[in-house]
PDB file of N, CA and C in Angstrom:
ATOM      1  N   MET A   1       0.840  -1.181   0.000  1.00  0.00           N
ATOM      2  CA  MET A   1       0.000   0.000   0.000  1.00  0.00           C
ATOM      3  C   MET A   1       0.887   1.246   0.000  1.00  0.00           C
ATOM      4  N   ALA A   2       0.549   2.196  -0.848  1.00  0.00           N
ATOM      5  CA  ALA A   2       1.333   3.426  -0.959  1.00  0.00           C
ATOM      6  C   ALA A   2       1.115   4.324   0.254  1.00  0.00           C
ATOM      7  N   SER A   3       2.144   5.056   0.594  1.00  0.00           N
ATOM      8  CA  SER A   3       1.997   6.073   1.638  1.00  0.00           C
ATOM      9  C   SER A   3       1.084   7.161   1.120  1.00  0.00           C
ATOM     10  N   ARG A   4       0.384   7.825   2.023  1.00  0.00           N
ATOM     11  CA  ARG A   4      -0.538   8.882   1.623  1.00  0.00           C
ATOM     12  C   ARG A   4       0.065  10.251   1.872  1.00  0.00           C
ATOM     13  N   ALA A   5      -0.352  11.205   1.035  1.00  0.00           N
ATOM     14  CA  ALA A   5       0.045  12.601   1.214  1.00  0.00           C
ATOM     15  C   ALA A   5      -1.193  13.468   1.080  1.00  0.00           C
ATOM     16  N   VAL A   6      -1.311  14.433   1.966  1.00  0.00           N
ATOM     17  CA  VAL A   6      -2.372  15.424   1.861  1.00  0.00           C
ATOM     18  C   VAL A   6      -1.753  16.650   1.209  1.00  0.00           C
ATOM     19  N   VAL A   7      -2.374  17.085   0.115  1.00  0.00           N
ATOM     20  CA  VAL A   7      -1.856  18.256  -0.596  1.00  0.00           C
ATOM     21  C   VAL A   7      -2.890  19.377  -0.533  1.00  0.00           C
ATOM     22  N   LEU A   8      -2.411  20.581  -0.368  1.00  0.00           N
ATOM     23  CA  LEU A   8      -3.267  21.759  -0.375  1.00  0.00           C
ATOM     24  C   LEU A   8      -3.273  22.291  -1.790  1.00  0.00           C
ATOM     25  N   LEU A   9      -4.431  22.200  -2.455  1.00  0.00           N
ATOM     26  CA  LEU A   9      -4.541  22.630  -3.846  1.00  0.00           C
ATOM     27  C   LEU A   9      -5.240  23.975  -3.948  1.00  0.00           C
ATOM     28  N   SER A  10      -4.564  24.923  -4.589  1.00  0.00           N
ATOM     29  CA  SER A  10      -5.164  26.240  -4.808  1.00  0.00           C
ATOM     30  C   SER A  10      -5.778  26.338  -6.200  1.00  0.00           C
ATOM     31  N   GLY A  11      -5.389  25.435  -7.061  1.00  0.00           N
ATOM     32  CA  GLY A  11      -5.814  25.504  -8.458  1.00  0.00           C
ATOM     33  C   GLY A  11      -4.743  26.124  -9.338  1.00  0.00           C
ATOM     34  N   GLY A  12      -3.667  26.586  -8.713  1.00  0.00           N
ATOM     35  CA  GLY A  12      -2.572  27.215  -9.454  1.00  0.00           C
ATOM     36  C   GLY A  12      -1.454  26.243  -9.790  1.00  0.00           C
ATOM     37  N   LEU A  13      -0.495  26.743 -10.514  1.00  0.00           N
ATOM     38  CA  LEU A  13       0.607  25.919 -11.014  1.00  0.00           C
ATOM     39  C   LEU A  13       1.501  25.374  -9.900  1.00  0.00           C
ATOM     40  N   ASP A  14       1.766  26.175  -8.872  1.00  0.00           N
ATOM     41  CA  ASP A  14       2.673  25.716  -7.814  1.00  0.00           C
ATOM     42  C   ASP A  14       2.119  24.505  -7.068  1.00  0.00           C
ATOM     43  N   SER A  15       0.851  24.581  -6.664  1.00  0.00           N
ATOM     44  CA  SER A  15       0.287  23.455  -5.920  1.00  0.00           C
ATOM     45  C   SER A  15       0.112  22.232  -6.817  1.00  0.00           C
ATOM     46  N   TYR A  16      -0.208  22.467  -8.086  1.00  0.00           N
ATOM     47  CA  TYR A  16      -0.315  21.361  -9.055  1.00  0.00           C
ATOM     48  C   TYR A  16       1.036  20.652  -9.171  1.00  0.00           C
ATOM     49  N   THR A  17       2.088  21.422  -9.300  1.00  0.00           N
ATOM     50  CA  THR A  17       3.428  20.852  -9.446  1.00  0.00           C
ATOM     51  C   THR A  17       3.832  20.062  -8.211  1.00  0.00           C
ATOM     52  N   ALA A  18       3.591  20.630  -7.024  1.00  0.00           N
ATOM     53  CA  ALA A  18       3.949  19.931  -5.782  1.00  0.00           C
ATOM     54  C   ALA A  18       3.183  18.608  -5.666  1.00  0.00           C
ATOM     55  N   ALA A  19       1.896  18.634  -6.013  1.00  0.00           N
ATOM     56  CA  ALA A  19       1.096  17.405  -5.963  1.00  0.00           C
ATOM     57  C   ALA A  19       1.587  16.391  -6.992  1.00  0.00           C
ATOM     58  N   ALA A  20       1.923  16.848  -8.180  1.00  0.00           N
ATOM     59  CA  ALA A  20       2.416  15.941  -9.228  1.00  0.00           C
ATOM     60  C   ALA A  20       3.735  15.300  -8.812  1.00  0.00           C
ATOM     61  N   ILE A  21       4.591  16.054  -8.145  1.00  0.00           N
ATOM     62  CA  ILE A  21       5.855  15.489  -7.660  1.00  0.00           C
ATOM     63  C   ILE A  21       5.578  14.412  -6.615  1.00  0.00           C
ATOM     64  N   ALA A  22       4.675  14.703  -5.679  1.00  0.00           N
ATOM     65  CA  ALA A  22       4.340  13.707  -4.654  1.00  0.00           C
ATOM     66  C   ALA A  22       3.790  12.440  -5.307  1.00  0.00           C
ATOM     67  N   LYS A  23       2.927  12.611  -6.298  1.00  0.00           N
ATOM     68  CA  LYS A  23       2.370  11.438  -6.997  1.00  0.00           C
ATOM     69  C   LYS A  23       3.472  10.663  -7.709  1.00  0.00           C
ATOM     70  N   SER A  24       4.388  11.379  -8.365  1.00  0.00           N
ATOM     71  CA  SER A  24       5.466  10.704  -9.099  1.00  0.00           C
ATOM     72  C   SER A  24       6.399   9.941  -8.164  1.00  0.00           C
ATOM     73  N   GLU A  25       6.414  10.339  -6.893  1.00  0.00           N
ATOM     74  CA  GLU A  25       7.239   9.645  -5.907  1.00  0.00           C
ATOM     75  C   GLU A  25       6.485   8.501  -5.222  1.00  0.00           C
ATOM     76  N   GLY A  26       5.275   8.218  -5.727  1.00  0.00           N
ATOM     77  CA  GLY A  26       4.542   7.046  -5.273  1.00  0.00           C
ATOM     78  C   GLY A  26       3.502   7.274  -4.195  1.00  0.00           C
ATOM     79  N   PHE A  27       3.261   8.518  -3.838  1.00  0.00           N
ATOM     80  CA  PHE A  27       2.261   8.800  -2.810  1.00  0.00           C
ATOM     81  C   PHE A  27       0.853   8.721  -3.384  1.00  0.00           C
ATOM     82  N   ALA A  28      -0.074   8.216  -2.583  1.00  0.00           N
ATOM     83  CA  ALA A  28      -1.502   8.284  -2.898  1.00  0.00           C
ATOM     84  C   ALA A  28      -1.966   9.638  -2.370  1.00  0.00           C
ATOM     85  N   LEU A  29      -2.651  10.403  -3.210  1.00  0.00           N
ATOM     86  CA  LEU A  29      -2.979  11.781  -2.856  1.00  0.00           C
ATOM     87  C   LEU A  29      -4.402  11.980  -2.351  1.00  0.00           C
ATOM     88  N   CYS A  30      -4.516  12.801  -1.322  1.00  0.00           N
ATOM     89  CA  CYS A  30      -5.775  13.372  -0.855  1.00  0.00           C
ATOM     90  C   CYS A  30      -5.567  14.879  -0.949  1.00  0.00           C
ATOM     91  N   ALA A  31      -6.592  15.607  -1.341  1.00  0.00           N
ATOM     92  CA  ALA A  31      -6.415  17.042  -1.557  1.00  0.00           C
ATOM     93  C   ALA A  31      -7.399  17.864  -0.741  1.00  0.00           C
ATOM     94  N   LEU A  32      -6.927  19.016  -0.304  1.00  0.00           N
ATOM     95  CA  LEU A  32      -7.737  19.966   0.436  1.00  0.00           C
ATOM     96  C   LEU A  32      -7.642  21.317  -0.258  1.00  0.00           C
ATOM     97  N   THR A  33      -8.794  21.945  -0.469  1.00  0.00           N
ATOM     98  CA  THR A  33      -8.872  23.303  -1.001  1.00  0.00           C
ATOM     99  C   THR A  33      -9.662  24.125  -0.007  1.00  0.00           C
ATOM    100  N   ILE A  34      -9.199  25.341   0.244  1.00  0.00           N
ATOM    101  CA  ILE A  34      -9.876  26.211   1.188  1.00  0.00           C
ATOM    102  C   ILE A  34     -10.530  27.361   0.438  1.00  0.00           C
ATOM    103  N   PHE A  35     -11.849  27.487   0.627  1.00  0.00           N
ATOM    104  CA  PHE A  35     -12.567  28.626   0.072  1.00  0.00           C
ATOM    105  C   PHE A  35     -12.636  29.685   1.169  1.00  0.00           C
ATOM    106  N   TYR A  36     -12.063  30.838   0.895  1.00  0.00           N
ATOM    107  CA  TYR A  36     -12.010  31.908   1.891  1.00  0.00           C
ATOM    108  C   TYR A  36     -12.598  33.208   1.361  1.00  0.00           C
ATOM    109  N   GLY A  37     -13.420  33.090   0.314  1.00  0.00           N
ATOM    110  CA  GLY A  37     -14.044  34.272  -0.264  1.00  0.00           C
ATOM    111  C   GLY A  37     -13.219  34.898  -1.379  1.00  0.00           C
ATOM    112  N   GLN A  38     -12.434  34.077  -2.067  1.00  0.00           N
ATOM    113  CA  GLN A  38     -11.628  34.563  -3.174  1.00  0.00           C
ATOM    114  C   GLN A  38     -12.507  35.324  -4.164  1.00  0.00           C
ATOM    115  N   ARG A  39     -11.936  36.327  -4.799  1.00  0.00           N
ATOM    116  CA  ARG A  39     -12.655  37.071  -5.835  1.00  0.00           C
ATOM    117  C   ARG A  39     -13.027  36.164  -6.989  1.00  0.00           C
ATOM    118  N   HIS A  40     -12.142  35.248  -7.288  1.00  0.00           N
ATOM    119  CA  HIS A  40     -12.356  34.361  -8.423  1.00  0.00           C
ATOM    120  C   HIS A  40     -12.726  32.972  -7.908  1.00  0.00           C
ATOM    121  N   ALA A  41     -14.007  32.722  -7.809  1.00  0.00           N
ATOM    122  CA  ALA A  41     -14.482  31.423  -7.311  1.00  0.00           C
ATOM    123  C   ALA A  41     -14.022  30.297  -8.225  1.00  0.00           C
ATOM    124  N   GLY A  42     -13.577  30.633  -9.430  1.00  0.00           N
ATOM    125  CA  GLY A  42     -13.059  29.635 -10.356  1.00  0.00           C
ATOM    126  C   GLY A  42     -11.830  28.924  -9.823  1.00  0.00           C
ATOM    127  N   GLU A  43     -11.165  29.501  -8.821  1.00  0.00           N
ATOM    128  CA  GLU A  43      -9.993  28.848  -8.231  1.00  0.00           C
ATOM    129  C   GLU A  43     -10.371  27.495  -7.638  1.00  0.00           C
ATOM    130  N   VAL A  44     -11.524  27.419  -7.010  1.00  0.00           N
ATOM    131  CA  VAL A  44     -11.960  26.158  -6.417  1.00  0.00           C
ATOM    132  C   VAL A  44     -12.232  25.138  -7.523  1.00  0.00           C
ATOM    133  N   GLU A  45     -12.859  25.574  -8.594  1.00  0.00           N
ATOM    134  CA  GLU A  45     -13.122  24.658  -9.722  1.00  0.00           C
ATOM    135  C   GLU A  45     -11.821  24.232 -10.387  1.00  0.00           C
ATOM    136  N   SER A  46     -10.854  25.131 -10.472  1.00  0.00           N
ATOM    137  CA  SER A  46      -9.543  24.761 -11.022  1.00  0.00           C
ATOM    138  C   SER A  46      -8.886  23.696 -10.148  1.00  0.00           C
ATOM    139  N   ALA A  47      -8.976  23.883  -8.840  1.00  0.00           N
ATOM    140  CA  ALA A  47      -8.407  22.895  -7.920  1.00  0.00           C
ATOM    141  C   ALA A  47      -9.100  21.546  -8.083  1.00  0.00           C
ATOM    142  N   ARG A  48     -10.413  21.575  -8.276  1.00  0.00           N
ATOM    143  CA  ARG A  48     -11.168  20.335  -8.492  1.00  0.00           C
ATOM    144  C   ARG A  48     -10.683  19.643  -9.776  1.00  0.00           C
ATOM    145  N   SER A  49     -10.441  20.415 -10.818  1.00  0.00           N
ATOM    146  CA  SER A  49      -9.943  19.859 -12.087  1.00  0.00           C
ATOM    147  C   SER A  49      -8.554  19.264 -11.924  1.00  0.00           C
ATOM    148  N   VAL A  50      -7.703  19.970 -11.180  1.00  0.00           N
ATOM    149  CA  VAL A  50      -6.347  19.476 -10.917  1.00  0.00           C
ATOM    150  C   VAL A  50      -6.426  18.149 -10.168  1.00  0.00           C
ATOM    151  N   ALA A  51      -7.288  18.091  -9.165  1.00  0.00           N
ATOM    152  CA  ALA A  51      -7.442  16.857  -8.392  1.00  0.00           C
ATOM    153  C   ALA A  51      -7.872  15.701  -9.304  1.00  0.00           C
ATOM    154  N   GLY A  52      -8.792  15.981 -10.201  1.00  0.00           N
ATOM    155  CA  GLY A  52      -9.236  14.951 -11.132  1.00  0.00           C
ATOM    156  C   GLY A  52      -8.117  14.499 -12.058  1.00  0.00           C
ATOM    157  N   ALA A  53      -7.350  15.455 -12.555  1.00  0.00           N
ATOM    158  CA  ALA A  53      -6.249  15.126 -13.475  1.00  0.00           C
ATOM    159  C   ALA A  53      -5.177  14.289 -12.792  1.00  0.00           C
ATOM    160  N   LEU A  54      -5.002  14.497 -11.497  1.00  0.00           N
ATOM    161  CA  LEU A  54      -3.970  13.758 -10.762  1.00  0.00           C
ATOM    162  C   LEU A  54      -4.479  12.455 -10.154  1.00  0.00           C
ATOM    163  N   GLY A  55      -5.770  12.190 -10.304  1.00  0.00           N
ATOM    164  CA  GLY A  55      -6.324  10.953  -9.756  1.00  0.00           C
ATOM    165  C   GLY A  55      -6.375  10.944  -8.237  1.00  0.00           C
ATOM    166  N   VAL A  56      -6.661  12.100  -7.659  1.00  0.00           N
ATOM    167  CA  VAL A  56      -6.736  12.221  -6.208  1.00  0.00           C
ATOM    168  C   VAL A  56      -7.863  11.327  -5.677  1.00  0.00           C
ATOM    169  N   SER A  57      -7.580  10.588  -4.607  1.00  0.00           N
ATOM    170  CA  SER A  57      -8.572   9.657  -4.071  1.00  0.00           C
ATOM    171  C   SER A  57      -9.666  10.360  -3.272  1.00  0.00           C
ATOM    172  N   ARG A  58      -9.345  11.483  -2.667  1.00  0.00           N
ATOM    173  CA  ARG A  58     -10.348  12.243  -1.915  1.00  0.00           C
ATOM    174  C   ARG A  58     -10.057  13.729  -2.062  1.00  0.00           C
ATOM    175  N   PHE A  59     -11.071  14.483  -2.460  1.00  0.00           N
ATOM    176  CA  PHE A  59     -10.951  15.930  -2.640  1.00  0.00           C
ATOM    177  C   PHE A  59     -11.943  16.611  -1.707  1.00  0.00           C
ATOM    178  N   THR A  60     -11.452  17.490  -0.849  1.00  0.00           N
ATOM    179  CA  THR A  60     -12.299  18.177   0.117  1.00  0.00           C
ATOM    180  C   THR A  60     -12.151  19.679  -0.046  1.00  0.00           C
ATOM    181  N   VAL A  61     -13.286  20.380  -0.036  1.00  0.00           N
ATOM    182  CA  VAL A  61     -13.281  21.843  -0.024  1.00  0.00           C
ATOM    183  C   VAL A  61     -13.754  22.266   1.358  1.00  0.00           C
ATOM    184  N   TYR A  62     -12.939  23.053   2.033  1.00  0.00           N
ATOM    185  CA  TYR A  62     -13.316  23.596   3.331  1.00  0.00           C
ATOM    186  C   TYR A  62     -13.713  25.047   3.130  1.00  0.00           C
ATOM    187  N   ASN A  63     -14.950  25.372   3.483  1.00  0.00           N
ATOM    188  CA  ASN A  63     -15.444  26.727   3.342  1.00  0.00           C
ATOM    189  C   ASN A  63     -15.134  27.455   4.658  1.00  0.00           C
ATOM    190  N   TYR A  64     -14.099  28.257   4.635  1.00  0.00           N
ATOM    191  CA  TYR A  64     -13.652  28.971   5.821  1.00  0.00           C
ATOM    192  C   TYR A  64     -14.697  29.960   6.297  1.00  0.00           C
ATOM    193  N   LEU A  65     -15.458  30.536   5.377  1.00  0.00           N
ATOM    194  CA  LEU A  65     -16.454  31.542   5.735  1.00  0.00           C
ATOM    195  C   LEU A  65     -17.602  30.934   6.541  1.00  0.00           C
ATOM    196  N   ASN A  66     -18.013  29.723   6.181  1.00  0.00           N
ATOM    197  CA  ASN A  66     -19.128  29.048   6.855  1.00  0.00           C
ATOM    198  C   ASN A  66     -18.683  27.950   7.800  1.00  0.00           C
ATOM    199  N   ARG A  67     -17.382  27.681   7.815  1.00  0.00           N
ATOM    200  CA  ARG A  67     -16.811  26.606   8.631  1.00  0.00           C
ATOM    201  C   ARG A  67     -17.454  25.260   8.305  1.00  0.00           C
ATOM    202  N   GLU A  68     -17.608  24.996   7.008  1.00  0.00           N
ATOM    203  CA  GLU A  68     -18.187  23.734   6.542  1.00  0.00           C
ATOM    204  C   GLU A  68     -17.254  23.085   5.550  1.00  0.00           C
ATOM    205  N   LYS A  69     -17.370  21.766   5.426  1.00  0.00           N
ATOM    206  CA  LYS A  69     -16.580  21.068   4.415  1.00  0.00           C
ATOM    207  C   LYS A  69     -17.470  20.317   3.465  1.00  0.00           C
ATOM    208  N   GLU A  70     -16.965  20.175   2.255  1.00  0.00           N
ATOM    209  CA  GLU A  70     -17.657  19.444   1.193  1.00  0.00           C
ATOM    210  C   GLU A  70     -16.707  18.363   0.720  1.00  0.00           C
ATOM    211  N   GLY A  71     -17.165  17.145   0.690  1.00  0.00           N
ATOM    212  CA  GLY A  71     -16.333  16.060   0.176  1.00  0.00           C
ATOM    213  C   GLY A  71     -15.751  15.178   1.220  1.00  0.00           C
TER     214      GLY A  71
END
């Protein structure tokens, strides 16, 4: 069984790259995205797309404003 890594995905290139490196090193990925009222809500959707592209086993969005999680 592969070791697991929790990655914080923003939807941007840096977090995508860090997650891809962890995956290439054999880690099974779980991802967390934090919604904090960003101007561009598309960031959360980008993070969701990144998680899908990387085959993340569990993707969670934590809504900091409402203190709720999805996923």
